[in-house]
Amino acid sequence: MYWTLELASKLEDAPWPASKDELIDYAMRSCAPLEVIENLQEMEAEGEIYESIEDIWPDYPSKEDFFFNEEEY
């Protein structure tokens, strides 16, 4: 299992909180790349509820990680 920014971003709009099965269903319905679905299927925690993408990939960058000041525009 591996995550990249591009793959993880496909789950950004998922219906959080969600279970593993709900995330797989969302990925299939949203036509996410096969790698996203495979990564979700490889997750071991059955029945666990994930609150956000950070629960799946802790290194997922947040808005604070980018130095973009929205107030300037």
C-alpha atoms as a PDB file:
ATOM      1  CA  MET A   1       0.000   0.000   0.000  1.00  0.00           C
ATOM      2  CA  TYR A   2       1.335   3.414  -0.900  1.00  0.00           C
ATOM      3  CA  TRP A   3      -0.231   6.843  -0.966  1.00  0.00           C
ATOM      4  CA  THR A   4       0.740   9.828  -3.021  1.00  0.00           C
ATOM      5  CA  LEU A   5      -0.724  13.293  -2.885  1.00  0.00           C
ATOM      6  CA  GLU A   6      -2.557  12.658  -6.140  1.00  0.00           C
ATOM      7  CA  LEU A   7      -4.083   9.376  -4.937  1.00  0.00           C
ATOM      8  CA  ALA A   8      -5.058  10.652  -1.496  1.00  0.00           C
ATOM      9  CA  SER A   9      -6.649  13.775  -2.977  1.00  0.00           C
ATOM     10  CA  LYS A  10      -9.244  11.533  -4.662  1.00  0.00           C
ATOM     11  CA  LEU A  11     -10.698  10.918  -1.184  1.00  0.00           C
ATOM     12  CA  GLU A  12     -10.687  14.551  -0.093  1.00  0.00           C
ATOM     13  CA  ASP A  13     -14.427  14.973  -0.806  1.00  0.00           C
ATOM     14  CA  ALA A  14     -15.432  11.589   0.618  1.00  0.00           C
ATOM     15  CA  PRO A  15     -18.354  11.559   3.073  1.00  0.00           C
ATOM     16  CA  TRP A  16     -16.346  11.770   6.309  1.00  0.00           C
ATOM     17  CA  PRO A  17     -16.603  10.107   8.802  1.00  0.00           C
ATOM     18  CA  ALA A  18     -16.649   6.838   6.873  1.00  0.00           C
ATOM     19  CA  SER A  19     -15.861   3.167   7.238  1.00  0.00           C
ATOM     20  CA  LYS A  20     -13.475   1.251   5.004  1.00  0.00           C
ATOM     21  CA  ASP A  21     -16.385  -0.166   2.968  1.00  0.00           C
ATOM     22  CA  GLU A  22     -17.957   3.274   2.560  1.00  0.00           C
ATOM     23  CA  LEU A  23     -14.654   4.692   1.327  1.00  0.00           C
ATOM     24  CA  ILE A  24     -14.252   1.859  -1.183  1.00  0.00           C
ATOM     25  CA  ASP A  25     -17.809   2.452  -2.394  1.00  0.00           C
ATOM     26  CA  TYR A  26     -17.146   6.191  -2.716  1.00  0.00           C
ATOM     27  CA  ALA A  27     -13.898   5.573  -4.620  1.00  0.00           C
ATOM     28  CA  MET A  28     -15.683   3.270  -7.061  1.00  0.00           C
ATOM     29  CA  ARG A  29     -18.599   5.671  -7.605  1.00  0.00           C
ATOM     30  CA  SER A  30     -16.281   8.646  -8.103  1.00  0.00           C
ATOM     31  CA  CYS A  31     -14.146   6.746 -10.646  1.00  0.00           C
ATOM     32  CA  ALA A  32     -10.996   7.019  -8.541  1.00  0.00           C
ATOM     33  CA  PRO A  33      -7.897   5.300  -9.941  1.00  0.00           C
ATOM     34  CA  LEU A  34      -7.595   1.585  -9.267  1.00  0.00           C
ATOM     35  CA  GLU A  35      -4.631   2.246  -6.970  1.00  0.00           C
ATOM     36  CA  VAL A  36      -6.897   4.150  -4.549  1.00  0.00           C
ATOM     37  CA  ILE A  37      -9.346   1.236  -4.347  1.00  0.00           C
ATOM     38  CA  GLU A  38      -6.494  -1.270  -3.907  1.00  0.00           C
ATOM     39  CA  ASN A  39      -4.977   0.840  -1.110  1.00  0.00           C
ATOM     40  CA  LEU A  40      -8.310   0.999   0.674  1.00  0.00           C
ATOM     41  CA  GLN A  41      -8.820  -2.754   0.323  1.00  0.00           C
ATOM     42  CA  GLU A  42      -5.388  -3.393   1.862  1.00  0.00           C
ATOM     43  CA  MET A  43      -6.224  -1.452   5.027  1.00  0.00           C
ATOM     44  CA  GLU A  44      -6.403  -3.881   7.934  1.00  0.00           C
ATOM     45  CA  ALA A  45      -8.814  -2.167  10.322  1.00  0.00           C
ATOM     46  CA  GLU A  46     -12.258  -3.665   9.738  1.00  0.00           C
ATOM     47  CA  GLY A  47     -15.173  -1.793  11.275  1.00  0.00           C
ATOM     48  CA  GLU A  48     -13.099   1.265  12.136  1.00  0.00           C
ATOM     49  CA  ILE A  49     -14.540   4.677  11.363  1.00  0.00           C
ATOM     50  CA  TYR A  50     -12.165   7.181   9.776  1.00  0.00           C
ATOM     51  CA  GLU A  51     -12.774  10.844  10.571  1.00  0.00           C
ATOM     52  CA  SER A  52     -10.652  12.297   7.748  1.00  0.00           C
ATOM     53  CA  ILE A  53      -7.998  11.494   5.169  1.00  0.00           C
ATOM     54  CA  GLU A  54      -5.372  12.125   7.875  1.00  0.00           C
ATOM     55  CA  ASP A  55      -6.584   8.960   9.654  1.00  0.00           C
ATOM     56  CA  ILE A  56      -5.644   6.973   6.543  1.00  0.00           C
ATOM     57  CA  TRP A  57      -2.518   8.886   5.515  1.00  0.00           C
ATOM     58  CA  PRO A  58      -1.121  10.955   8.414  1.00  0.00           C
ATOM     59  CA  ASP A  59       1.276  12.805   6.091  1.00  0.00           C
ATOM     60  CA  TYR A  60      -1.536  14.274   3.987  1.00  0.00           C
ATOM     61  CA  PRO A  61      -0.794  18.013   3.719  1.00  0.00           C
ATOM     62  CA  SER A  62      -3.304  20.465   5.118  1.00  0.00           C
ATOM     63  CA  LYS A  63      -3.970  24.003   3.926  1.00  0.00           C
ATOM     64  CA  GLU A  64      -1.533  25.260   6.541  1.00  0.00           C
ATOM     65  CA  ASP A  65       1.247  23.285   4.827  1.00  0.00           C
ATOM     66  CA  PHE A  66       1.033  25.549   1.806  1.00  0.00           C
ATOM     67  CA  PHE A  67       2.246  29.098   2.149  1.00  0.00           C
ATOM     68  CA  PHE A  68      -0.617  30.667   0.237  1.00  0.00           C
ATOM     69  CA  ASN A  69      -2.241  33.681   1.814  1.00  0.00           C
ATOM     70  CA  GLU A  70      -5.865  33.729   0.606  1.00  0.00           C
ATOM     71  CA  GLU A  71      -6.447  37.166   2.147  1.00  0.00           C
ATOM     72  CA  GLU A  72      -4.080  38.763  -0.354  1.00  0.00           C
ATOM     73  CA  TYR A  73      -6.388  37.995  -3.257  1.00  0.00           C
END
